[in-house]
Amino acid sequence: MIELMLIVLVSALAWLWWDSMQAREAAVGAARAACESEGLQFLDDTVGIASVRPARNADGRLLLQRAYDFEFSDTGDNRIRGSVVTLGRRVILLRLLPRPTAQVIPLH
C-alpha cells in the first residue's frame, strides 16, 4: 500500500512540475510578444513566479492560477516591472506598469 501511495505522490509531483513549466513558457512567450509589440526590451528573458492559487475557469473547472513578474525597459537604462497571470496554461492578463499611461492587456 505504501508503494502505491508513493507512486501516486511522485506522479502528482511530476504532473505539477510539467504543468508549471507549460504555464511558465506561456507567460514568457506572452511577455516577450508584448514587449516586442510595444518596442520594449524584455529583460533577462524570463519570468519569476509571484503566486499560485486555485481558481475556476469559465467552465467551472478548477485550475491553478499563477502570477508571474518580469522586467522590461523602455530606454535600456532602467528596469520596469510587468506581470503575467495564467489560468492553467492560458494567459489571461498581462500588465506593463508603470508607464505614462498604465496598460492592462486582457487576453481573452
Protein backbone atom coordinates (compact mmCIF):
# COMPACT_ATOMS: atom_id res chain seq x y z
CA MET A 1 0.00 0.00 0.00
CA ILE A 2 2.83 2.40 0.81
CA GLU A 3 4.37 1.77 -2.61
CA LEU A 4 1.11 2.71 -4.32
CA MET A 5 0.83 5.92 -2.30
CA LEU A 6 4.44 6.76 -3.17
CA ILE A 7 3.78 6.19 -6.88
CA VAL A 8 0.69 8.43 -6.74
CA LEU A 9 2.63 11.15 -4.90
CA VAL A 10 5.55 11.06 -7.34
CA SER A 11 3.13 11.10 -10.28
CA ALA A 12 1.27 14.11 -8.85
CA LEU A 13 4.53 15.99 -8.30
CA ALA A 14 5.68 15.17 -11.84
CA TRP A 15 2.37 16.43 -13.25
CA LEU A 16 2.60 19.64 -11.18
CA TRP A 17 6.16 20.27 -12.40
CA TRP A 18 5.20 19.64 -16.07
CA ASP A 19 2.09 21.81 -15.83
CA SER A 20 4.10 24.60 -14.17
CA MET A 21 6.71 24.51 -16.93
CA GLN A 22 3.98 24.75 -19.59
CA ALA A 23 2.36 27.74 -17.82
CA ARG A 24 5.75 29.42 -17.39
CA GLU A 25 6.55 29.03 -21.09
CA ALA A 26 3.18 30.59 -21.97
CA ALA A 27 3.95 33.51 -19.63
CA VAL A 28 7.43 34.03 -21.12
CA GLY A 29 6.02 33.97 -24.65
CA ALA A 30 3.28 36.47 -23.79
CA ALA A 31 5.69 38.84 -22.03
CA ARG A 32 8.18 38.64 -24.90
CA ALA A 33 5.48 39.27 -27.51
CA ALA A 34 4.00 42.21 -25.57
CA CYS A 35 7.42 43.82 -25.17
CA GLU A 36 8.22 43.37 -28.86
CA SER A 37 4.87 44.82 -29.94
CA GLU A 38 5.40 47.88 -27.70
CA GLY A 39 9.05 48.40 -28.72
CA LEU A 40 10.35 47.48 -25.26
CA GLN A 41 13.26 45.32 -24.15
CA PHE A 42 12.25 42.11 -22.35
CA LEU A 43 14.99 41.87 -19.71
CA ASP A 44 16.57 38.61 -18.52
CA ASP A 45 14.35 36.63 -20.94
CA THR A 46 12.45 35.07 -18.05
CA VAL A 47 9.58 35.43 -15.60
CA GLY A 48 9.53 34.71 -11.88
CA ILE A 49 6.65 33.14 -10.01
CA ALA A 50 4.85 35.55 -7.67
CA SER A 51 1.86 33.48 -6.54
CA VAL A 52 -0.08 30.28 -7.13
CA ARG A 53 -3.69 29.70 -6.12
CA PRO A 54 -6.63 27.56 -7.19
CA ALA A 55 -9.21 29.30 -9.40
CA ARG A 56 -12.08 28.28 -11.67
CA ASN A 57 -12.18 28.89 -15.41
CA ALA A 58 -15.29 29.97 -17.36
CA ASP A 59 -16.47 26.33 -17.49
CA GLY A 60 -16.21 25.97 -13.70
CA ARG A 61 -13.17 23.70 -13.89
CA LEU A 62 -10.69 24.08 -11.01
CA LEU A 63 -7.22 25.06 -12.28
CA LEU A 64 -4.09 26.67 -10.90
CA GLN A 65 -3.85 30.42 -11.38
CA ARG A 66 -0.24 31.58 -11.43
CA ALA A 67 1.04 35.14 -11.34
CA TYR A 68 4.49 35.86 -12.73
CA ASP A 69 6.63 39.01 -12.56
CA PHE A 70 9.10 40.09 -15.21
CA GLU A 71 11.14 43.17 -16.01
CA PHE A 72 11.35 45.26 -19.14
CA SER A 73 13.00 48.51 -20.18
CA ASP A 74 11.83 51.35 -22.37
CA THR A 75 15.21 53.13 -22.53
CA GLY A 76 17.73 50.36 -21.86
CA ASP A 77 18.87 52.18 -18.68
CA ASN A 78 16.02 51.24 -16.37
CA ARG A 79 14.02 48.27 -15.13
CA ILE A 80 10.24 48.37 -15.03
CA ARG A 81 8.16 45.56 -13.55
CA GLY A 82 5.43 43.84 -15.52
CA SER A 83 3.27 40.86 -14.68
CA VAL A 84 1.52 37.96 -16.38
CA VAL A 85 -1.33 35.87 -14.95
CA THR A 86 -2.10 32.41 -16.28
CA LEU A 87 -5.07 30.18 -15.58
CA GLY A 88 -3.94 26.67 -16.27
CA ARG A 89 -1.65 27.12 -19.27
CA ARG A 90 -3.61 30.01 -20.74
CA VAL A 91 -2.51 33.64 -20.31
CA ILE A 92 -5.45 35.68 -19.02
CA LEU A 93 -3.81 39.00 -18.09
CA LEU A 94 -0.64 40.89 -18.91
CA ARG A 95 0.40 44.20 -17.31
CA LEU A 96 3.14 46.57 -18.37
CA LEU A 97 3.48 49.06 -15.47
CA PRO A 98 4.35 51.85 -14.70
CA ARG A 99 4.44 53.85 -17.88
CA PRO A 100 2.98 57.26 -18.73
CA THR A 101 -0.38 55.53 -19.09
CA ALA A 102 -0.73 52.18 -17.39
CA GLN A 103 -1.68 49.46 -19.82
CA VAL A 104 -3.67 46.36 -18.98
CA ILE A 105 -3.96 43.99 -21.92
CA PRO A 106 -6.75 41.39 -21.44
CA LEU A 107 -6.07 38.24 -23.43
CA HIS A 108 -9.46 36.53 -23.68
